[in-house]
Amino acid sequence: MVRNWLSMCRTWHGSHCDRSELLSYQAHTSISEIPHFRLIDVVDNCILCSPGNDTKYVALSYLWGRIDPNSILTLCLSNLSELETLGGLLLPHNYYKIPITIRDAMHIVRELRYRFLWVDSLCIIQDDVKTKMLAIPNIGEVFGKAHLTIIAGSGNSANVGLPGVQPASRGTSQAIEEIHPGLRLCFRPRYQDHIEGAAYFHRAWQFQEQKYAKRTLIFIGGQVVFKCMRAEWREDVVVEHRHSRYCRIERLGSWDPDDIEQYEQAMKSYSSRVLTRDSDIYHAFAAMIRHFQVQLKVDLCHGIPVAYFDWFILWTSLSPGTRRSNTPSWSWFGWRGESFPNISYWYDHSIKRIRKALRQRTWIIWYQRQGHDVEGCSRIWTPQRRPTSSSPRNFYGSRVESRFPFDCTQTIPTPRTLVRAPQYLEDSYNTTPGSGFLQFWTVSVTFRLDKPVSRDDDEVIVNTGLRVGIFGRDGRELGTTFVNHEWMNASASDIHEFILLCEDDEEGWKYKMMLIEWHGWRDDSPYKGTTGLHGDWAERISLGSIEKEDLDQALGEGPMWKEIILG
């Protein structure tokens, strides 16, 4: 049946399903350009090194699960030579250590009359750090160039197997109800009904493998489903001709490089997924980072596209996220829980229009500290087009506008080192990585946080955090924000600092602002040990906004131009 599906895809769709949408920019690259690329030869039962450019292969996307790596067969420097030998995988001390899911996948590849299979544990040398670090960013190419991707959507480990491959391995029962003697009805569940409860679809590493695959064979819910770029077939219905009502001939997805929502949705989907080790947060997104870099033509600074920094940093938590201490708080990578930039909703989908608008609505010059024990800072991005005049320019190269009734000309970071600041994960896929600590000048304001008096009927983004009101000098509620219940309960004061980030015209002109909290008190600070606004460096707590005319509602000394170090 699956061979028939593949044949129909080839006959009816031609070349439409031969290229991954996320690899459209690499139409002329070949698998020989993928560093240290290997395949499993399921006929000769060995590992093939350096396959030819025209080699057609299948890839396996699955969960390792909580399996002791020492109990399963993986490719290592010590067994590389043996596994590359004809029949090396069939040796008893090797074969019985191959996880059942991988063995089932090898069986499927033979039955589908292919010869080669890619599996991470047997095609990447697991104890060679340098090789692994070269392989991880190329996972997108591996899955994007695979003729077919097998998705093990059932179970929670590599030893569960692929239901239906081996006898009596389905593990499902047919729901039947007798509604009258001799008359019974059966319920045919959809495979989509099993996705929410499937561990596979909640794991971070598998996200980019799914995104890059062009044809998938999904084992889930006791059945198998075939999806290509234009159609979807299920095992529980028989497709006999092109116009069958069970075969949906349509474009199932399309990547529009000028639609900002495509990038936002990738961030949203990935951020909702789970990692066993937080230290993998960048690596499990490496292929998507490369895609962003190519399509947007910019680097990502800890997950934020640098040429769109002011707006992508406005991502919103869709749940009360918890901090990852090894990544910056201003990055969506810095929090566990679903997040969404939402630019496409409150401004526009078009990247071209967004870039134009950004140049007019910002005042911050974004710098990143090179390290804690050095004073140097570097701009995280510089526009390629140089200004034709010597007048002051903003971060995106446009003329500086006068916005505030005080001096805002100071934008160069003050030389200083940081004390007791955390070390973050290396921004491995950025060509100019820094410490993850931003240093910049902007407007600082203080407001009081309290129980809101307004209703939340107009809140478009559903957020399950604690909704609190932002109150100004005259006691009026100026806006709202969402915070963690734990953070609010632990706060010793109801007066908090916000920094203005940019302006927008969503339902009238507003200032987007970030609620921050200071850390890292210096030994000589008179404020050490108290709740105040003068720590060594700050972290993001949440986002909010106020009307532009409400800026004079700031408490204390009112709005001021201030240098911020944001970690």
Protein backbone atom coordinates (compact mmCIF):
# COMPACT_ATOMS: atom_id res chain seq x y z
CA MET A 1 0.00 0.00 0.00
CA VAL A 2 2.76 2.45 0.89
CA ARG A 3 4.64 1.60 -2.31
CA ASN A 4 1.42 2.46 -4.15
CA TRP A 5 1.14 5.79 -2.37
CA LEU A 6 4.71 6.68 -3.32
CA SER A 7 4.00 5.70 -6.90
CA MET A 8 0.88 7.88 -7.05
CA CYS A 9 2.80 10.82 -5.59
CA ARG A 10 5.46 10.43 -8.25
CA THR A 11 2.92 10.02 -11.08
CA TRP A 12 0.43 12.71 -10.10
CA HIS A 13 2.66 15.37 -8.57
CA GLY A 14 5.80 15.09 -10.67
CA SER A 15 8.61 17.21 -9.23
CA HIS A 16 6.39 19.21 -6.86
CA CYS A 17 7.21 16.88 -3.97
CA ASP A 18 10.92 16.50 -4.74
CA ARG A 19 12.09 19.59 -2.93
CA SER A 20 11.65 20.64 0.68
CA GLU A 21 10.13 24.10 0.93
CA LEU A 22 12.74 25.10 3.49
CA LEU A 23 15.53 24.03 1.13
CA SER A 24 14.27 25.85 -1.94
CA TYR A 25 17.24 28.20 -1.66
CA GLN A 26 19.65 25.24 -1.98
CA ALA A 27 18.29 23.67 -5.14
CA HIS A 28 21.72 22.87 -6.53
CA THR A 29 23.49 21.55 -3.45
CA SER A 30 24.18 17.84 -3.05
CA ILE A 31 24.54 15.42 -0.15
CA SER A 32 28.30 15.28 -0.75
CA GLU A 33 28.45 18.83 0.66
CA ILE A 34 27.00 17.70 4.01
CA PRO A 35 29.99 17.23 6.38
CA HIS A 36 30.64 13.65 7.59
CA PHE A 37 27.49 12.33 5.91
CA ARG A 38 26.89 8.60 6.34
CA LEU A 39 24.03 6.18 5.66
CA ILE A 40 22.97 2.72 6.77
CA ASP A 41 23.03 0.21 3.89
CA VAL A 42 20.08 -2.07 4.81
CA VAL A 43 21.04 -4.63 2.16
CA ASP A 44 24.72 -5.07 3.07
CA ASN A 45 23.91 -4.24 6.73
CA CYS A 46 26.73 -1.80 7.29
CA ILE A 47 27.45 1.92 7.53
CA LEU A 48 28.21 3.59 4.21
CA CYS A 49 30.63 6.53 4.29
CA SER A 50 30.53 9.25 1.62
CA PRO A 51 27.56 8.09 -0.49
CA GLY A 52 27.19 9.40 -4.04
CA ASN A 53 25.27 12.56 -4.87
CA ASP A 54 22.40 10.68 -6.52
CA THR A 55 21.90 8.26 -3.62
CA LYS A 56 18.22 8.04 -2.71
CA TYR A 57 17.70 7.48 1.01
CA VAL A 58 15.08 7.44 3.77
CA ALA A 59 15.50 9.31 7.08
CA LEU A 60 14.12 8.27 10.47
CA SER A 61 12.73 10.83 12.92
CA TYR A 62 12.12 9.29 16.34
CA LEU A 63 12.56 9.68 20.09
CA TRP A 64 15.59 8.29 21.86
CA GLY A 65 13.67 8.47 25.13
CA ARG A 66 15.14 7.66 28.50
CA ILE A 67 17.45 4.91 27.29
CA ASP A 68 20.94 4.40 28.63
CA PRO A 69 23.18 5.27 25.65
CA ASN A 70 25.54 2.50 26.74
CA SER A 71 22.77 -0.09 26.32
CA ILE A 72 22.12 0.62 22.64
CA LEU A 73 24.29 0.53 19.56
CA THR A 74 25.60 3.93 18.50
CA LEU A 75 28.30 4.90 16.04
CA CYS A 76 31.53 5.64 17.93
CA LEU A 77 35.17 6.09 17.04
CA SER A 78 35.86 2.65 18.52
CA ASN A 79 33.37 0.71 16.35
CA LEU A 80 33.42 2.83 13.20
CA SER A 81 35.68 0.45 11.29
CA GLU A 82 33.66 -2.63 12.28
CA LEU A 83 30.30 -1.09 11.39
CA GLU A 84 31.60 0.02 7.99
CA THR A 85 32.45 -3.62 7.23
CA LEU A 86 29.99 -5.70 5.20
CA GLY A 87 27.51 -7.32 7.63
CA GLY A 88 28.85 -5.37 10.61
CA LEU A 89 25.34 -4.52 11.84
CA LEU A 90 24.35 -8.21 11.87
CA LEU A 91 27.04 -9.27 14.31
CA PRO A 92 25.18 -10.50 17.43
CA HIS A 93 26.87 -8.04 19.80
CA ASN A 94 25.71 -5.24 17.49
CA TYR A 95 22.35 -6.35 16.11
CA TYR A 96 20.62 -7.00 19.42
CA LYS A 97 21.67 -3.58 20.69
CA ILE A 98 19.98 -1.80 17.77
CA PRO A 99 16.76 -0.22 19.17
CA ILE A 100 13.57 -1.86 17.89
CA THR A 101 12.34 1.32 16.19
CA ILE A 102 15.52 1.48 14.11
CA ARG A 103 15.31 -2.23 13.24
CA ASP A 104 11.69 -1.75 12.13
CA ALA A 105 12.73 1.25 10.04
CA MET A 106 15.44 -0.81 8.34
CA HIS A 107 12.80 -3.45 7.56
CA ILE A 108 10.47 -0.81 6.07
CA VAL A 109 13.25 0.57 3.88
CA ARG A 110 13.84 -2.90 2.42
CA GLU A 111 10.11 -3.49 1.88
CA LEU A 112 9.77 -0.13 0.11
CA ARG A 113 12.68 -1.21 -2.17
CA TYR A 114 15.06 1.48 -1.04
CA ARG A 115 18.51 0.64 0.17
CA PHE A 116 19.74 3.43 2.39
CA LEU A 117 18.55 4.83 5.74
CA TRP A 118 19.77 7.78 7.79
CA VAL A 119 19.48 7.52 11.59
CA ASP A 120 21.29 9.99 13.85
CA SER A 121 22.59 7.43 16.36
CA LEU A 122 24.24 5.31 13.66
CA CYS A 123 25.16 7.97 11.10
CA ILE A 124 26.76 10.59 13.38
CA ILE A 125 29.80 9.66 15.48
CA GLN A 126 28.41 10.14 18.97
CA ASP A 127 31.67 10.48 20.91
CA ASP A 128 33.31 12.94 18.52
CA VAL A 129 32.23 16.41 19.67
CA LYS A 130 33.72 18.20 16.67
CA THR A 131 31.89 15.93 14.21
CA LYS A 132 28.60 16.29 16.09
CA MET A 133 28.86 20.08 16.13
CA LEU A 134 29.41 20.06 12.35
CA ALA A 135 26.52 17.68 11.81
CA ILE A 136 23.87 19.42 13.93
CA PRO A 137 23.46 22.58 11.79
CA ASN A 138 23.05 20.34 8.72
CA ILE A 139 20.13 18.31 10.06
CA GLY A 140 17.82 20.38 7.88
CA GLU A 141 19.72 19.35 4.74
CA VAL A 142 19.69 15.71 5.84
CA PHE A 143 15.90 15.59 6.22
CA GLY A 144 15.20 18.01 3.38
CA LYS A 145 17.11 15.85 0.89
CA ALA A 146 15.72 12.51 2.12
CA HIS A 147 13.30 10.99 -0.41
CA LEU A 148 11.06 9.95 2.49
CA THR A 149 11.05 10.54 6.25
CA ILE A 150 9.69 7.88 8.58
CA ILE A 151 8.16 9.47 11.70
CA ALA A 152 7.86 7.25 14.76
CA GLY A 153 4.97 9.14 16.30
CA SER A 154 3.96 6.42 18.79
CA GLY A 155 5.62 5.56 22.08
CA ASN A 156 8.19 7.40 24.14
CA SER A 157 11.46 5.62 23.37
CA ALA A 158 13.45 4.04 20.56
CA ASN A 159 12.57 0.57 21.83
CA VAL A 160 8.82 0.87 21.24
CA GLY A 161 9.05 0.02 17.55
CA LEU A 162 6.80 1.05 14.67
CA PRO A 163 3.26 -0.29 15.23
CA GLY A 164 2.14 -2.56 12.41
CA VAL A 165 5.57 -3.58 11.18
CA GLN A 166 5.84 -6.66 13.40
CA PRO A 167 2.89 -9.03 14.01
CA ALA A 168 0.55 -8.04 16.88
CA SER A 169 2.35 -4.72 17.37
CA ARG A 170 -0.59 -2.41 16.70
CA GLY A 171 -1.58 -2.11 20.33
CA THR A 172 -4.97 -0.57 19.50
CA SER A 173 -8.54 -1.82 19.65
CA GLN A 174 -11.51 -1.02 17.45
CA ALA A 175 -14.24 0.99 19.19
CA ILE A 176 -17.54 -0.82 18.48
CA GLU A 177 -20.99 -0.13 19.90
CA GLU A 178 -24.00 -2.42 19.47
CA ILE A 179 -26.96 -0.08 19.11
CA HIS A 180 -29.47 -2.85 18.31
CA PRO A 181 -29.25 -6.65 18.23
CA GLY A 182 -27.38 -7.47 15.07
CA LEU A 183 -26.55 -3.82 14.31
CA ARG A 184 -23.19 -2.46 15.38
CA LEU A 185 -21.40 0.79 14.60
CA CYS A 186 -17.65 1.25 14.72
CA PHE A 187 -15.76 4.51 15.24
CA ARG A 188 -12.87 5.33 12.96
CA PRO A 189 -10.57 7.72 14.84
CA ARG A 190 -8.48 10.32 13.04
CA TYR A 191 -4.72 10.08 13.39
CA GLN A 192 -4.71 13.76 14.38
CA ASP A 193 -6.58 12.80 17.56
CA HIS A 194 -3.45 11.03 18.79
CA ILE A 195 -1.01 13.89 18.18
CA GLU A 196 -1.77 15.84 21.36
CA GLY A 197 -0.97 12.85 23.55
CA ALA A 198 2.06 11.69 21.56
CA ALA A 199 5.41 12.48 23.20
CA TYR A 200 7.07 12.80 19.79
CA PHE A 201 5.09 15.92 18.85
CA HIS A 202 6.09 17.68 22.08
CA ARG A 203 9.85 17.20 21.80
CA ALA A 204 12.10 20.01 20.57
CA TRP A 205 14.66 18.04 18.56
CA GLN A 206 11.98 16.61 16.27
CA PHE A 207 10.51 20.01 15.32
CA GLN A 208 13.00 20.91 12.58
CA GLU A 209 13.07 17.34 11.28
CA GLN A 210 9.33 17.59 10.60
CA LYS A 211 9.61 21.07 9.09
CA TYR A 212 12.27 20.06 6.54
CA ALA A 213 10.78 16.71 5.47
CA LYS A 214 9.07 16.70 2.07
CA ARG A 215 7.41 13.25 2.26
CA THR A 216 6.55 11.62 5.57
CA LEU A 217 5.34 8.18 6.59
CA ILE A 218 3.83 8.67 10.04
CA PHE A 219 3.25 5.78 12.44
CA ILE A 220 0.76 6.92 15.06
CA GLY A 221 -2.40 5.68 16.74
CA GLY A 222 -1.97 2.14 15.43
CA GLN A 223 -2.07 3.24 11.79
CA VAL A 224 0.21 4.66 9.15
CA VAL A 225 -0.31 7.89 7.21
CA PHE A 226 1.56 9.12 4.13
CA LYS A 227 1.87 12.85 3.53
CA CYS A 228 3.66 14.59 0.68
CA MET A 229 3.72 18.23 -0.34
CA ARG A 230 0.34 17.96 -2.07
CA ALA A 231 -1.64 15.10 -0.60
CA GLU A 232 -2.35 12.88 2.35
CA TRP A 233 -3.32 9.18 2.38
CA ARG A 234 -4.36 7.00 5.30
CA GLU A 235 -4.10 3.28 5.83
CA ASP A 236 -7.75 2.87 6.80
CA VAL A 237 -9.08 3.97 3.40
CA VAL A 238 -8.26 2.64 -0.05
CA VAL A 239 -7.27 5.16 -2.72
CA GLU A 240 -7.93 3.76 -6.18
CA HIS A 241 -7.84 6.72 -8.53
CA ARG A 242 -6.74 10.29 -8.76
CA HIS A 243 -10.09 11.86 -7.88
CA SER A 244 -10.82 9.78 -4.81
CA ARG A 245 -12.48 11.86 -2.12
CA TYR A 246 -10.00 10.36 0.37
CA CYS A 247 -7.01 11.92 -1.37
CA ARG A 248 -6.79 15.68 -0.88
CA ILE A 249 -4.85 17.07 -3.85
CA GLU A 250 -3.85 20.47 -2.56
CA ARG A 251 -0.87 22.44 -1.41
CA LEU A 252 -0.52 21.51 2.26
CA GLY A 253 1.81 24.37 3.08
CA SER A 254 3.80 27.12 1.45
CA TRP A 255 6.66 29.21 2.79
CA ASP A 256 6.38 32.84 1.77
CA PRO A 257 9.73 34.54 2.47
CA ASP A 258 8.04 37.95 2.75
CA ASP A 259 5.55 36.81 5.40
CA ILE A 260 6.84 37.50 8.91
CA GLU A 261 4.27 35.11 10.39
CA GLN A 262 6.12 32.13 8.91
CA TYR A 263 9.09 32.92 11.16
CA GLU A 264 6.89 33.79 14.13
CA GLN A 265 5.03 30.49 13.89
CA ALA A 266 8.32 28.57 13.80
CA MET A 267 9.38 30.28 17.03
CA LYS A 268 5.97 29.71 18.59
CA SER A 269 5.89 26.00 17.74
CA TYR A 270 9.46 25.34 18.85
CA SER A 271 9.17 27.29 22.12
CA SER A 272 6.25 25.10 23.21
CA ARG A 273 8.34 21.94 22.96
CA VAL A 274 10.29 20.12 25.64
CA LEU A 275 14.02 19.45 25.99
CA THR A 276 15.68 16.92 28.24
CA ARG A 277 18.69 19.25 28.56
CA ASP A 278 18.31 23.03 28.43
CA SER A 279 21.84 23.19 27.07
CA ASP A 280 20.46 21.87 23.74
CA ILE A 281 18.10 24.83 23.28
CA TYR A 282 20.11 26.35 20.39
CA HIS A 283 21.31 23.08 18.86
CA ALA A 284 17.80 21.64 18.48
CA PHE A 285 16.85 24.75 16.47
CA ALA A 286 20.10 25.00 14.51
CA ALA A 287 18.65 24.04 11.12
CA MET A 288 15.86 26.60 11.51
CA ILE A 289 18.40 29.25 12.55
CA ARG A 290 20.26 28.58 9.31
CA HIS A 291 17.00 28.91 7.37
CA PHE A 292 16.27 32.26 9.06
CA GLN A 293 19.79 33.45 8.26
CA VAL A 294 19.45 32.60 4.58
CA GLN A 295 15.91 33.88 4.07
CA LEU A 296 16.17 37.04 6.21
CA LYS A 297 19.83 37.58 5.25
CA VAL A 298 20.81 38.38 8.84
CA ASP A 299 22.25 36.65 11.89
CA LEU A 300 20.21 35.74 14.93
CA CYS A 301 21.46 37.07 18.25
CA HIS A 302 20.33 34.47 20.78
CA GLY A 303 17.30 33.77 18.59
CA ILE A 304 16.40 37.38 17.69
CA PRO A 305 16.94 38.41 14.00
CA VAL A 306 19.28 41.39 14.36
CA ALA A 307 17.88 43.51 11.51
CA TYR A 308 14.43 43.37 13.16
CA PHE A 309 15.62 43.51 16.75
CA ASP A 310 13.25 46.16 18.14
CA TRP A 311 10.15 44.22 17.17
CA PHE A 312 11.21 40.58 17.51
CA ILE A 313 12.29 41.33 21.08
CA LEU A 314 8.61 42.10 21.74
CA TRP A 315 7.72 38.39 21.86
CA THR A 316 4.89 37.59 24.25
CA SER A 317 4.66 34.64 26.63
CA LEU A 318 1.48 32.67 25.98
CA SER A 319 1.85 30.88 29.31
CA PRO A 320 3.56 31.72 32.61
CA GLY A 321 7.02 30.73 31.45
CA THR A 322 9.89 29.79 33.73
CA ARG A 323 13.42 31.10 33.28
CA ARG A 324 16.28 29.19 31.74
CA SER A 325 19.20 30.52 33.74
CA ASN A 326 21.73 29.71 31.01
CA THR A 327 20.18 31.96 28.34
CA PRO A 328 19.32 35.71 28.27
CA SER A 329 15.96 36.78 29.68
CA TRP A 330 15.31 39.11 26.72
CA SER A 331 15.41 36.17 24.30
CA TRP A 332 12.48 33.81 23.82
CA PHE A 333 15.10 31.06 24.20
CA GLY A 334 15.48 32.26 27.80
CA TRP A 335 12.10 30.91 28.92
CA ARG A 336 10.33 27.56 29.02
CA GLY A 337 6.83 27.92 27.60
CA GLU A 338 5.15 29.00 24.38
CA SER A 339 6.00 32.47 23.09
CA PHE A 340 5.04 34.48 20.02
CA PRO A 341 6.42 37.77 18.57
CA ASN A 342 2.98 38.61 17.10
CA ILE A 343 4.29 41.31 14.72
CA SER A 344 1.99 40.01 11.98
CA TYR A 345 -1.05 40.80 14.14
CA TRP A 346 -0.32 44.24 15.55
CA TYR A 347 1.46 45.62 12.48
CA ASP A 348 1.72 43.75 9.17
CA HIS A 349 2.68 40.45 7.54
CA SER A 350 5.01 41.97 4.93
CA ILE A 351 8.68 42.00 5.88
CA LYS A 352 9.34 44.79 3.39
CA ARG A 353 6.80 47.06 5.08
CA ILE A 354 8.06 46.04 8.51
CA ARG A 355 11.64 47.02 7.67
CA LYS A 356 10.44 50.40 6.44
CA ALA A 357 8.38 51.01 9.58
CA LEU A 358 11.19 49.93 11.91
CA ARG A 359 13.44 52.71 10.62
CA GLN A 360 10.96 55.32 11.83
CA ARG A 361 9.89 53.97 15.23
CA THR A 362 13.02 53.31 17.24
CA TRP A 363 15.67 55.18 19.18
CA ILE A 364 17.78 52.45 20.84
CA ILE A 365 21.25 51.62 19.49
CA TRP A 366 21.64 47.95 20.42
CA TYR A 367 25.05 46.82 21.66
CA GLN A 368 26.11 43.47 23.08
CA ARG A 369 28.82 43.11 25.69
CA GLN A 370 31.77 41.01 24.54
CA GLY A 371 32.35 39.56 28.02
CA HIS A 372 31.98 40.22 31.74
CA ASP A 373 35.65 40.89 32.49
CA VAL A 374 36.16 43.20 29.49
CA GLU A 375 34.71 46.63 28.81
CA GLY A 376 34.16 46.19 25.07
CA CYS A 377 30.75 46.24 23.41
CA SER A 378 29.80 45.70 19.77
CA ARG A 379 26.75 46.76 17.79
CA ILE A 380 24.71 43.66 17.17
CA TRP A 381 24.00 44.82 13.60
CA THR A 382 24.92 47.64 11.22
CA PRO A 383 22.89 48.40 8.09
CA GLN A 384 24.78 47.83 4.83
CA ARG A 385 23.70 51.09 3.21
CA ARG A 386 25.77 53.95 4.56
CA PRO A 387 24.04 57.32 5.14
CA THR A 388 24.84 60.03 2.62
CA SER A 389 24.92 62.78 5.26
CA SER A 390 26.67 63.11 8.62
CA SER A 391 23.47 63.75 10.61
CA PRO A 392 22.84 61.37 13.57
CA ARG A 393 21.37 58.00 12.56
CA ASN A 394 19.33 55.45 14.45
CA PHE A 395 19.96 51.70 14.62
CA TYR A 396 18.46 51.12 11.17
CA GLY A 397 20.21 53.99 9.41
CA SER A 398 17.44 56.60 9.38
CA ARG A 399 17.66 60.14 10.74
CA VAL A 400 17.27 60.45 14.50
CA GLU A 401 13.96 62.02 15.51
CA SER A 402 13.43 64.18 18.58
CA ARG A 403 10.89 62.33 20.75
CA PHE A 404 11.49 63.13 24.39
CA PRO A 405 11.78 66.44 26.33
CA PHE A 406 15.29 65.65 27.60
CA ASP A 407 18.75 64.95 26.20
CA CYS A 408 18.88 61.55 24.47
CA THR A 409 22.11 61.97 22.53
CA GLN A 410 24.15 59.59 24.69
CA THR A 411 24.02 56.16 23.02
CA ILE A 412 27.60 54.85 23.35
CA PRO A 413 28.01 52.22 26.13
CA THR A 414 29.91 53.29 29.23
CA PRO A 415 33.08 51.21 29.74
CA ARG A 416 32.56 48.85 32.67
CA THR A 417 32.88 45.23 33.78
CA LEU A 418 30.18 43.09 35.37
CA VAL A 419 30.26 41.51 38.81
CA ARG A 420 28.79 38.06 39.54
CA ALA A 421 26.88 37.98 36.25
CA PRO A 422 25.89 34.54 34.92
CA GLN A 423 27.61 32.92 31.96
CA TYR A 424 25.22 32.06 29.16
CA LEU A 425 25.33 29.31 26.56
CA GLU A 426 27.47 30.20 23.57
CA ASP A 427 25.50 31.73 20.72
CA SER A 428 27.01 29.04 18.50
CA TYR A 429 25.24 29.84 15.23
CA ASN A 430 25.88 33.60 15.27
CA THR A 431 28.86 34.71 13.20
CA THR A 432 29.66 37.41 15.80
CA PRO A 433 28.65 35.91 19.17
CA GLY A 434 28.86 37.93 22.37
CA SER A 435 28.13 37.43 26.05
CA GLY A 436 24.34 37.64 25.73
CA PHE A 437 24.25 40.87 27.80
CA LEU A 438 22.85 43.89 25.97
CA GLN A 439 24.10 47.36 26.88
CA PHE A 440 22.16 50.36 25.59
CA TRP A 441 20.53 53.68 26.48
CA THR A 442 16.78 54.24 26.56
CA VAL A 443 14.00 55.89 28.56
CA SER A 444 13.40 54.52 32.05
CA VAL A 445 10.07 54.99 33.86
CA THR A 446 8.59 53.65 37.07
CA PHE A 447 4.97 52.65 37.64
CA ARG A 448 2.94 50.89 40.27
CA LEU A 449 1.65 47.36 39.66
CA ASP A 450 -1.63 46.34 41.26
CA LYS A 451 -4.83 44.42 40.66
CA PRO A 452 -6.30 45.62 37.33
CA VAL A 453 -9.56 47.53 37.20
CA SER A 454 -10.11 47.05 33.47
CA ARG A 455 -11.58 43.96 31.84
CA ASP A 456 -9.48 41.72 29.60
CA ASP A 457 -12.10 41.18 26.88
CA ASP A 458 -9.87 42.83 24.32
CA GLU A 459 -6.83 40.67 25.02
CA VAL A 460 -6.11 38.88 21.75
CA ILE A 461 -3.27 36.67 22.96
CA VAL A 462 -4.48 34.19 25.55
CA ASN A 463 -2.06 34.26 28.46
CA THR A 464 -2.49 32.14 31.56
CA GLY A 465 -0.18 34.26 33.71
CA LEU A 466 -1.28 36.76 36.34
CA ARG A 467 -2.76 39.87 34.73
CA VAL A 468 -1.79 43.05 36.60
CA GLY A 469 -2.55 46.71 36.02
CA ILE A 470 0.04 49.45 35.38
CA PHE A 471 -0.86 52.57 37.36
CA GLY A 472 0.55 56.08 37.03
CA ARG A 473 0.92 59.28 39.02
CA ASP A 474 -2.79 60.13 39.14
CA GLY A 475 -3.81 56.57 40.11
CA ARG A 476 -5.26 55.81 36.71
CA GLU A 477 -4.66 52.42 35.07
CA LEU A 478 -2.48 53.01 32.02
CA GLY A 479 -2.25 49.45 30.75
CA THR A 480 -1.79 45.85 31.81
CA THR A 481 0.88 43.16 31.69
CA PHE A 482 1.14 39.46 32.52
CA VAL A 483 3.59 38.18 35.13
CA ASN A 484 4.28 34.93 36.95
CA HIS A 485 2.26 34.49 40.13
CA GLU A 486 5.45 33.50 41.97
CA TRP A 487 7.29 36.65 40.91
CA MET A 488 4.44 38.92 41.99
CA ASN A 489 4.10 37.18 45.35
CA ALA A 490 7.84 37.47 45.99
CA SER A 491 8.04 41.15 45.09
CA ALA A 492 8.70 43.32 48.13
CA SER A 493 7.45 46.51 46.48
CA ASP A 494 4.63 47.52 44.17
CA ILE A 495 6.80 50.16 42.40
CA HIS A 496 8.69 48.73 39.42
CA GLU A 497 10.87 49.95 36.58
CA PHE A 498 10.00 49.76 32.90
CA ILE A 499 12.17 50.64 29.90
CA LEU A 500 10.72 51.97 26.65
CA LEU A 501 11.62 49.85 23.62
CA CYS A 502 9.90 51.38 20.60
CA GLU A 503 6.63 52.92 19.47
CA ASP A 504 3.74 51.48 17.50
CA ASP A 505 0.37 52.64 16.20
CA GLU A 506 -1.78 49.71 17.32
CA GLU A 507 -5.14 51.35 18.07
CA GLY A 508 -3.44 54.72 18.54
CA TRP A 509 0.19 55.53 19.14
CA LYS A 510 1.75 53.71 22.08
CA TYR A 511 5.11 52.99 23.66
CA LYS A 512 6.05 49.33 23.94
CA MET A 513 7.90 48.80 27.20
CA MET A 514 9.59 46.05 29.20
CA LEU A 515 9.21 45.41 32.93
CA ILE A 516 12.68 44.69 34.32
CA GLU A 517 14.23 43.62 37.62
CA TRP A 518 17.77 44.44 38.72
CA HIS A 519 20.38 41.93 39.94
CA GLY A 520 24.08 41.75 40.71
CA TRP A 521 24.51 44.41 43.39
CA ARG A 522 27.99 45.83 43.68
CA ASP A 523 29.70 45.52 47.05
CA ASP A 524 29.90 49.30 47.36
CA SER A 525 26.26 49.93 46.36
CA PRO A 526 24.20 51.75 49.03
CA TYR A 527 21.15 49.89 47.66
CA LYS A 528 22.59 46.39 48.14
CA GLY A 529 20.13 44.09 49.88
CA THR A 530 17.13 46.31 49.22
CA THR A 531 14.43 46.34 46.59
CA GLY A 532 15.42 49.11 44.24
CA LEU A 533 16.30 50.13 40.73
CA HIS A 534 20.10 50.31 40.81
CA GLY A 535 21.55 46.81 40.36
CA ASP A 536 24.46 45.95 38.13
CA TRP A 537 22.38 44.27 35.43
CA ALA A 538 18.68 43.62 34.80
CA GLU A 539 16.44 40.86 33.52
CA ARG A 540 13.19 40.96 31.60
CA ILE A 541 10.03 40.14 33.54
CA SER A 542 7.28 40.94 31.01
CA LEU A 543 6.06 43.37 28.37
CA GLY A 544 3.39 46.06 28.41
CA SER A 545 2.46 49.30 26.68
CA ILE A 546 1.12 52.77 27.48
CA GLU A 547 -0.32 55.59 25.43
CA LYS A 548 2.34 58.06 24.33
CA GLU A 549 0.58 60.92 26.13
CA ASP A 550 0.77 58.96 29.41
CA LEU A 551 4.54 59.17 29.61
CA ASP A 552 4.25 62.03 32.13
CA GLN A 553 2.40 59.64 34.46
CA ALA A 554 5.73 58.04 35.46
CA LEU A 555 6.32 58.03 39.22
CA GLY A 556 9.34 59.35 41.12
CA GLU A 557 11.55 61.66 39.09
CA GLY A 558 9.58 60.92 35.93
CA PRO A 559 10.99 59.57 32.67
CA MET A 560 14.76 59.71 32.30
CA TRP A 561 17.41 58.71 29.76
CA LYS A 562 19.28 55.80 31.33
CA GLU A 563 21.87 53.18 30.49
CA ILE A 564 20.64 49.59 30.77
CA ILE A 565 22.55 46.31 30.92
CA LEU A 566 20.06 43.58 30.12
CA GLY A 567 20.89 39.92 30.73
